[in-house]
Each structure stands twice: as C-alpha cells, then as structure tokens.
Amino acid sequence: MQTILELQNVVKNYGRTPVLGGVSMEVKEGEIISVLGPSGCGKSTLLRIIAGILPLDQGLVRIRGREVSDKRRTLPPEKRGINMVFQDFALWPHMKVEDNITYGLKVGKVDPAECRKRVEEIAGLLHLDGLMSRYPAELSGGQQQRVAIARALVTKPSILLLDEPLCNLDVQLRIEMRTEMAYLFHKLKTTVFHVTHDPSEAFAMADRIIIMNRGRIDQADKPRTCYLRPGTALVAGLLGAGNRLKRAVLESGAAGDTCRVRIGQDIVEGMYFPGEGRGELSCQVRFRPEDCRWSSVRGGELFCGYGVDVHLRGRFLPHQNPDNGRRRAVFSAQRTD
C-alpha cells in the first residue's frame, strides 16, 4: 500500500519552548489516522505543519513522495494536494452551497462536465441534493458540516486534514456525524489525518490512533490495542477513566507481556505490563470499572471513607471521597440487579 504522508524527525520550537520533539510517522493510502493528546501536546501544531501553514525547524514532510516541508522551504498549502476541514467549517457566507462546493474545482479549472459530475456525486453521498441553492446561514450545524466535507472531498485531495471538525456540534449530532464520516471516508478510500481531543470520536473513526504527549508520540496503534494495552499511564488515563492502586509491587514481567503483581497480601497474575521489570519494583495498577465484579470481601480488605458527591455519567458513577484533605474520584460500574 502506497505511503501518502511521511514525517521524518519533525521539530518545532516557539522561541525557546519546544513544541514538537522529533515526530516521525507514515500514513498509508486510504488510512484514517486520529491524533489524540492533552492540551499543549503539539497535535494542532503538527496538523498545521502538514498543511503548510507553519514552517518546521528541523525534519522533513513528504506527501506522495514529494518533499513539501524541510528546514529551508515550505510549499504553500494550495500546492500540496491537500484539503482541510476547520472547526468552524469556514464556509463562504455570501456563496450558496453549490458555489461553496464547486469553488475548488473552478479554481483548478476542471472541465465543466466533470465538475457537474463530481458535485452531483458528492452531494448525493452527503445528502445535500435539496440544499444546493441555500446559503450557509440557512443551514443547521450538521448541514454546514456536510457542505464543508463535500467542498474538501470534491477535488479528490491526496490527504484530508480534519481539525476537530465535530466540536461545534451537539452530542447526538457528533455521534451521528462521526459514524457517517467514517463510512464515507472508507467508501471513497480517502486518506485522513484527524486531530481531536475526544477519544470516543477517535475510536469511532480511526484505523490507527496516535497519542501525543509533550511534543512526542507516546503510542501509535489500532484503537482496540491502545485501549486494552496502553503503553504509558497517560495513554491509559486519556482513553478511559479508571481506578488506580499506587502501592502495588511488581514481582516479574516483560515489556508487552503479562506480569505478576502483589497487591497487599494478594498476588494477581496476568495483568498487562508495558515496561521492563527486574526483581521487585513498586508500581501503579490501573483497572477500569467494566473489568470489575461484585463479590464479598474480608474485613481487613476494606477501607473507610464517606461520600461527598456522586455524578451520573451513564454506565459509570464517579464518587468523590476525601483523602487526606483532598478529593479523590473513585469510579464504579452501575449495578443493574
């Protein structure tokens, strides 16, 4: 499968502040990549470098094998064969839907017959047939989103860049749109580089997830692997809330394999271990509410506390408990019996 996007040791600094610390990756043709990370991790800066909006300080960016960014030059966005969907969609308010969609084709001087064919095809796929004569202000948020995607796809870009495109939509519409988008991109075999802060959005859309932290890649793998086999504590926390046990002791384990952990007087076998361990090491154990079962316990295994607050979050209930003057969140799965 052809490599569409290649990044080699990309470095970016703002003054003396490092933002990207040597990022390397490849994106294959038709692959949907979602980039996640905490605020300030560098994901938006990386997107802008790929788009040609920002220059890099070191490294190399290639699109379809052609160098588009290096230390000496930055090819402008319009010459990269890419398109981008922004958070606010950036539709031209004075143009009707049809004119917004066809703009890139007209600038590219595409044959009028081919232009009509492409517009009709993309309008049908995105259910825009009856909206072509409307202005953006006459559309709902979801409809504006579809127009922005249609405008980006109709020119058949080498890679489509998505900058948190669902963040301005309501919860139900976000769920619907991410499913529709994933189906459409796979149907059209579109290569997508998608930046988001929402793990559920990445899970629904991505073939591969890249988790960034402090300008570097913490983990890059399939969504299921990242969730079940997180490579770092940050990845584990970012991809799903869970409970932590800080005073565990690792007795044995190999990177990427299962390990043997002592928690209090009990031994737990078969837990995933992302690091290296020799001899006994103190460690943290993280587990999610959905992996727990209700059972009776011995008196010595109980701890005392009192609840301060409980928040309803669907399947899980976060309980706020005081711990040495600080509040601690303890997550539990809701009982259905």
Protein backbone atom coordinates (compact mmCIF):
# COMPACT_ATOMS: atom_id res chain seq x y z
CA MET A 1 0.00 0.00 0.00
CA GLN A 2 1.37 3.41 -1.01
CA THR A 3 2.63 5.82 1.64
CA ILE A 4 0.71 9.09 1.27
CA LEU A 5 2.17 11.08 4.16
CA GLU A 6 5.64 10.72 5.65
CA LEU A 7 7.10 12.69 8.55
CA GLN A 8 10.76 12.36 9.49
CA ASN A 9 12.04 13.76 12.80
CA VAL A 10 9.82 16.88 12.68
CA VAL A 11 10.93 19.51 15.21
CA LYS A 12 9.17 22.79 16.02
CA ASN A 13 10.01 25.37 18.68
CA TYR A 14 8.29 28.60 19.65
CA GLY A 15 11.26 30.66 20.78
CA ARG A 16 12.93 28.57 23.47
CA THR A 17 9.83 26.47 24.07
CA PRO A 18 9.92 23.05 22.34
CA VAL A 19 6.57 22.06 20.83
CA LEU A 20 7.46 19.06 18.66
CA GLY A 21 10.47 17.00 19.67
CA GLY A 22 11.24 14.83 16.64
CA VAL A 23 7.97 13.33 15.37
CA SER A 24 8.15 10.57 12.75
CA MET A 25 5.29 8.61 11.18
CA GLU A 26 3.84 7.23 7.95
CA VAL A 27 0.23 7.28 6.78
CA LYS A 28 -0.83 4.77 4.13
CA GLU A 29 -3.31 5.34 1.31
CA GLY A 30 -6.93 5.11 2.50
CA GLU A 31 -5.93 5.08 6.17
CA ILE A 32 -7.78 7.16 8.77
CA ILE A 33 -5.44 8.45 11.47
CA SER A 34 -6.71 10.13 14.63
CA VAL A 35 -4.26 12.13 16.74
CA LEU A 36 -5.10 12.50 20.44
CA GLY A 37 -3.39 14.16 23.34
CA PRO A 38 -3.78 16.62 26.20
CA SER A 39 -3.88 20.34 25.55
CA GLY A 40 -0.44 21.61 24.54
CA CYS A 41 0.84 18.22 23.36
CA GLY A 42 1.60 19.54 19.85
CA LYS A 43 -1.14 17.85 17.82
CA SER A 44 -2.54 21.08 16.31
CA THR A 45 0.96 22.35 15.54
CA LEU A 46 1.68 19.08 13.75
CA LEU A 47 -1.51 19.46 11.69
CA ARG A 48 -0.55 23.00 10.65
CA ILE A 49 2.93 21.87 9.60
CA ILE A 50 1.42 19.13 7.42
CA ALA A 51 -0.97 21.71 5.94
CA GLY A 52 1.87 24.11 5.14
CA ILE A 53 0.52 26.82 7.44
CA LEU A 54 3.56 26.62 9.74
CA PRO A 55 7.22 26.05 8.83
CA LEU A 56 9.19 23.40 10.70
CA ASP A 57 12.59 23.93 12.34
CA GLN A 58 14.05 20.52 11.56
CA GLY A 59 12.94 17.38 9.78
CA LEU A 60 11.05 16.56 6.61
CA VAL A 61 7.46 16.21 5.38
CA ARG A 62 6.60 14.27 2.22
CA ILE A 63 3.20 13.92 0.52
CA ARG A 64 3.04 11.16 -2.10
CA GLY A 65 6.83 11.01 -2.06
CA ARG A 66 7.30 14.72 -2.81
CA GLU A 67 9.09 16.90 -0.26
CA VAL A 68 6.75 19.70 0.82
CA SER A 69 8.48 20.92 4.00
CA ASP A 70 12.04 20.95 5.24
CA LYS A 71 14.27 23.32 7.18
CA ARG A 72 14.83 25.57 4.16
CA ARG A 73 11.41 25.81 2.49
CA THR A 74 7.69 25.32 3.00
CA LEU A 75 5.48 24.59 -0.01
CA PRO A 76 2.24 26.63 0.31
CA PRO A 77 -0.99 24.77 1.17
CA GLU A 78 -2.58 25.22 -2.27
CA LYS A 79 0.31 23.37 -3.93
CA ARG A 80 0.28 20.32 -1.63
CA GLY A 81 -2.74 18.46 -3.00
CA ILE A 82 -4.46 18.56 0.38
CA ASN A 83 -7.71 19.92 1.78
CA MET A 84 -8.75 20.80 5.31
CA VAL A 85 -11.99 20.98 7.30
CA PHE A 86 -11.77 23.53 10.11
CA GLN A 87 -13.53 23.62 13.48
CA ASP A 88 -15.87 26.41 12.34
CA PHE A 89 -16.23 24.91 8.80
CA ALA A 90 -15.10 28.24 7.18
CA LEU A 91 -17.87 28.33 4.57
CA TRP A 92 -18.17 31.48 2.45
CA PRO A 93 -21.33 33.14 3.77
CA HIS A 94 -22.07 35.03 0.51
CA MET A 95 -21.98 31.86 -1.61
CA LYS A 96 -24.71 29.27 -1.97
CA VAL A 97 -23.99 25.64 -1.09
CA GLU A 98 -23.33 24.70 -4.71
CA ASP A 99 -20.87 27.57 -5.15
CA ASN A 100 -19.05 26.65 -1.93
CA ILE A 101 -18.63 23.06 -3.12
CA THR A 102 -17.56 23.92 -6.68
CA TYR A 103 -15.12 26.68 -5.72
CA GLY A 104 -12.04 24.46 -5.63
CA LEU A 105 -12.93 22.83 -8.94
CA LYS A 106 -13.34 26.21 -10.64
CA VAL A 107 -10.02 27.46 -9.27
CA GLY A 108 -8.44 24.26 -10.56
CA LYS A 109 -10.08 24.84 -13.96
CA VAL A 110 -11.75 21.43 -14.02
CA ASP A 111 -13.84 20.73 -17.13
CA PRO A 112 -17.46 21.91 -16.53
CA ALA A 113 -18.94 18.50 -17.37
CA GLU A 114 -16.55 16.76 -14.95
CA CYS A 115 -17.29 19.46 -12.38
CA ARG A 116 -21.05 18.81 -12.55
CA LYS A 117 -20.49 15.06 -12.31
CA ARG A 118 -18.33 15.33 -9.19
CA VAL A 119 -20.66 17.78 -7.46
CA GLU A 120 -23.72 15.62 -8.11
CA GLU A 121 -21.89 12.55 -6.82
CA ILE A 122 -20.63 14.15 -3.60
CA ALA A 123 -23.95 15.92 -2.96
CA GLY A 124 -25.74 12.57 -3.21
CA LEU A 125 -23.30 10.85 -0.86
CA LEU A 126 -23.68 13.61 1.75
CA HIS A 127 -27.45 14.10 1.32
CA LEU A 128 -27.13 17.69 0.11
CA ASP A 129 -29.30 17.39 -3.02
CA GLY A 130 -32.10 19.63 -1.76
CA LEU A 131 -29.81 22.22 -0.18
CA MET A 132 -27.69 23.38 -3.10
CA SER A 133 -29.44 26.76 -3.51
CA ARG A 134 -29.29 27.70 0.19
CA TYR A 135 -26.77 29.97 1.91
CA PRO A 136 -24.73 28.69 4.90
CA ALA A 137 -26.75 30.82 7.34
CA GLU A 138 -29.86 28.88 6.27
CA LEU A 139 -28.33 25.52 7.26
CA SER A 140 -28.12 23.63 10.54
CA GLY A 141 -24.75 22.82 12.09
CA GLY A 142 -24.82 19.28 10.74
CA GLN A 143 -25.68 20.51 7.24
CA GLN A 144 -22.85 23.04 7.33
CA GLN A 145 -20.53 20.23 8.37
CA ARG A 146 -21.58 18.17 5.35
CA VAL A 147 -21.02 21.11 2.99
CA ALA A 148 -17.51 21.66 4.40
CA ILE A 149 -16.69 17.97 3.93
CA ALA A 150 -18.16 17.96 0.40
CA ARG A 151 -16.06 21.00 -0.55
CA ALA A 152 -12.94 19.29 0.79
CA LEU A 153 -13.57 15.93 -0.91
CA VAL A 154 -14.81 17.05 -4.33
CA THR A 155 -11.29 17.99 -5.51
CA LYS A 156 -10.02 14.48 -4.59
CA PRO A 157 -7.13 15.55 -2.32
CA SER A 158 -4.17 13.29 -1.58
CA ILE A 159 -4.94 13.69 2.11
CA LEU A 160 -7.82 15.25 4.03
CA LEU A 161 -6.95 17.14 7.23
CA LEU A 162 -9.62 17.42 9.94
CA ASP A 163 -9.13 19.93 12.77
CA GLU A 164 -11.62 18.84 15.47
CA PRO A 165 -14.47 19.10 12.94
CA LEU A 166 -17.22 17.92 15.30
CA CYS A 167 -16.51 20.07 18.35
CA ASN A 168 -19.19 22.67 17.49
CA LEU A 169 -22.00 20.12 17.15
CA ASP A 170 -24.32 18.84 19.88
CA VAL A 171 -23.67 15.43 21.44
CA GLN A 172 -26.20 13.41 19.43
CA LEU A 173 -25.17 15.01 16.15
CA ARG A 174 -21.50 14.33 16.90
CA ILE A 175 -22.28 10.64 17.36
CA GLU A 176 -24.21 10.51 14.08
CA MET A 177 -21.65 12.51 12.09
CA ARG A 178 -18.58 10.56 13.19
CA THR A 179 -20.23 7.33 12.05
CA GLU A 180 -21.27 8.86 8.73
CA MET A 181 -17.82 10.33 8.15
CA ALA A 182 -16.01 7.06 8.83
CA TYR A 183 -18.32 5.23 6.41
CA LEU A 184 -17.87 7.89 3.72
CA PHE A 185 -14.08 8.07 4.00
CA HIS A 186 -13.74 4.29 3.77
CA LYS A 187 -16.16 4.17 0.84
CA LEU A 188 -14.16 6.81 -1.06
CA LYS A 189 -10.82 5.39 0.16
CA THR A 190 -9.86 8.84 1.43
CA THR A 191 -6.63 9.23 3.40
CA VAL A 192 -7.47 11.20 6.56
CA PHE A 193 -5.35 12.90 9.23
CA HIS A 194 -7.75 13.78 12.03
CA VAL A 195 -6.96 15.80 15.17
CA THR A 196 -9.36 15.51 18.11
CA HIS A 197 -9.48 15.72 21.90
CA ASP A 198 -12.34 13.19 22.11
CA PRO A 199 -11.29 9.51 22.49
CA SER A 200 -14.76 8.22 21.56
CA GLU A 201 -14.56 10.16 18.29
CA ALA A 202 -11.18 8.61 17.53
CA PHE A 203 -12.44 5.11 18.42
CA ALA A 204 -15.41 5.51 16.06
CA MET A 205 -13.44 6.81 13.08
CA ALA A 206 -9.79 5.77 13.16
CA ASP A 207 -7.94 2.81 11.72
CA ARG A 208 -4.99 3.86 13.86
CA ILE A 209 -4.67 6.19 16.84
CA ILE A 210 -1.61 8.30 17.63
CA ILE A 211 -1.37 9.59 21.20
CA MET A 212 0.95 12.56 21.71
CA ASN A 213 2.45 13.93 24.90
CA ARG A 214 4.79 16.92 25.24
CA GLY A 215 5.60 17.02 21.54
CA ARG A 216 6.33 13.31 21.15
CA ILE A 217 4.39 10.17 20.25
CA ASP A 218 3.56 8.06 23.31
CA GLN A 219 1.81 5.30 21.37
CA ALA A 220 0.62 4.59 17.81
CA ASP A 221 -1.57 1.54 17.25
CA LYS A 222 -5.05 0.28 16.48
CA PRO A 223 -7.76 1.77 18.73
CA ARG A 224 -8.51 -1.54 20.45
CA THR A 225 -4.84 -2.18 21.16
CA CYS A 226 -4.33 1.31 22.61
CA TYR A 227 -7.35 0.85 24.88
CA LEU A 228 -6.55 -2.67 26.09
CA ARG A 229 -2.74 -2.40 26.00
CA PRO A 230 -1.86 1.24 26.82
CA GLY A 231 1.85 1.93 26.57
CA THR A 232 2.01 4.65 29.24
CA ALA A 233 -0.01 5.90 32.21
CA LEU A 234 -1.02 8.96 30.18
CA VAL A 235 -2.45 6.78 27.40
CA ALA A 236 -4.35 4.65 29.91
CA GLY A 237 -5.87 7.71 31.56
CA LEU A 238 -6.64 9.51 28.31
CA LEU A 239 -8.51 6.59 26.77
CA GLY A 240 -10.80 5.80 29.68
CA ALA A 241 -11.29 6.71 33.31
CA GLY A 242 -10.18 4.10 35.80
CA ASN A 243 -9.15 3.39 39.37
CA ARG A 244 -5.51 3.40 40.44
CA LEU A 245 -3.74 1.40 43.13
CA LYS A 246 -0.46 3.14 43.92
CA ARG A 247 1.12 0.76 46.43
CA ALA A 248 1.43 -2.37 44.34
CA VAL A 249 4.67 -4.33 43.87
CA LEU A 250 5.72 -5.77 40.53
CA GLU A 251 7.32 -9.18 41.07
CA SER A 252 8.06 -10.18 37.46
CA GLY A 253 7.17 -9.10 33.94
CA ALA A 254 8.41 -8.45 30.41
CA ALA A 255 7.54 -5.49 28.19
CA GLY A 256 4.35 -6.05 26.22
CA ASP A 257 3.55 -9.21 28.15
CA THR A 258 1.64 -10.18 31.29
CA CYS A 259 3.11 -9.79 34.75
CA ARG A 260 2.75 -10.90 38.36
CA VAL A 261 1.80 -8.16 40.83
CA ARG A 262 1.48 -8.22 44.63
CA ILE A 263 -1.31 -6.02 45.99
CA GLY A 264 -1.29 -6.11 49.77
CA GLN A 265 -1.19 -9.80 50.68
CA ASP A 266 -2.70 -10.96 47.38
CA ILE A 267 -0.96 -11.99 44.16
CA VAL A 268 -2.53 -11.01 40.83
CA GLU A 269 -1.46 -12.86 37.68
CA GLY A 270 -1.97 -12.00 34.03
CA MET A 271 -2.01 -8.18 34.14
CA TYR A 272 -0.64 -6.37 31.08
CA PHE A 273 2.75 -4.74 31.65
CA PRO A 274 4.05 -2.12 29.14
CA GLY A 275 7.53 -1.63 30.68
CA GLU A 276 10.53 -3.64 31.82
CA GLY A 277 10.91 -5.09 35.30
CA ARG A 278 13.68 -6.99 37.07
CA GLY A 279 13.24 -8.02 40.67
CA GLU A 280 10.68 -6.30 42.86
CA LEU A 281 9.58 -2.81 41.81
CA SER A 282 6.91 -0.51 43.18
CA CYS A 283 4.26 0.21 40.57
CA GLN A 284 0.76 1.50 39.97
CA VAL A 285 -2.09 -0.77 38.92
CA ARG A 286 -4.90 0.75 36.88
CA PHE A 287 -8.19 -1.00 36.27
CA ARG A 288 -11.48 0.09 34.72
CA PRO A 289 -14.94 -0.29 36.28
CA GLU A 290 -16.17 -2.55 33.48
CA ASP A 291 -13.47 -5.09 34.39
CA CYS A 292 -14.71 -5.47 37.98
CA ARG A 293 -17.13 -7.94 39.54
CA TRP A 294 -19.10 -7.57 42.75
CA SER A 295 -18.09 -10.01 45.49
CA SER A 296 -17.93 -10.31 49.27
CA VAL A 297 -14.67 -9.22 50.93
CA ARG A 298 -12.85 -9.89 54.16
CA GLY A 299 -12.92 -7.17 56.81
CA GLY A 300 -9.20 -6.48 56.53
CA GLU A 301 -9.57 -5.57 52.84
CA LEU A 302 -11.97 -2.69 53.47
CA PHE A 303 -11.07 0.98 53.70
CA CYS A 304 -13.10 3.67 55.42
CA GLY A 305 -14.38 6.84 53.82
CA TYR A 306 -17.52 8.84 53.29
CA GLY A 307 -19.04 10.02 50.05
CA VAL A 308 -19.05 13.74 49.26
CA ASP A 309 -20.68 13.70 45.85
CA VAL A 310 -21.84 11.28 43.16
CA HIS A 311 -22.20 12.24 39.49
CA LEU A 312 -24.29 10.32 36.96
CA ARG A 313 -22.32 9.52 33.80
CA GLY A 314 -24.30 6.78 32.13
CA ARG A 315 -22.65 3.44 32.83
CA PHE A 316 -20.23 4.70 35.50
CA LEU A 317 -20.65 6.60 38.76
CA PRO A 318 -17.71 8.77 39.89
CA HIS A 319 -17.76 9.00 43.71
CA GLN A 320 -15.92 11.97 45.27
CA ASN A 321 -14.22 10.79 48.50
CA PRO A 322 -11.92 12.86 50.75
CA ASP A 323 -8.37 11.54 51.12
CA ASN A 324 -6.04 13.41 53.50
CA GLY A 325 -7.84 16.68 52.85
CA ARG A 326 -8.05 16.15 49.08
CA ARG A 327 -10.91 14.86 46.99
CA ARG A 328 -10.37 11.58 45.20
CA ALA A 329 -12.60 10.24 42.42
CA VAL A 330 -13.46 6.55 42.67
CA PHE A 331 -15.28 5.07 39.67
CA SER A 332 -17.74 2.21 39.94
CA ALA A 333 -19.93 0.46 37.41
CA GLN A 334 -23.65 0.93 37.99
CA ARG A 335 -25.45 -2.15 39.25
CA THR A 336 -28.38 -3.40 37.24
CA ASP A 337 -29.63 -6.04 39.69
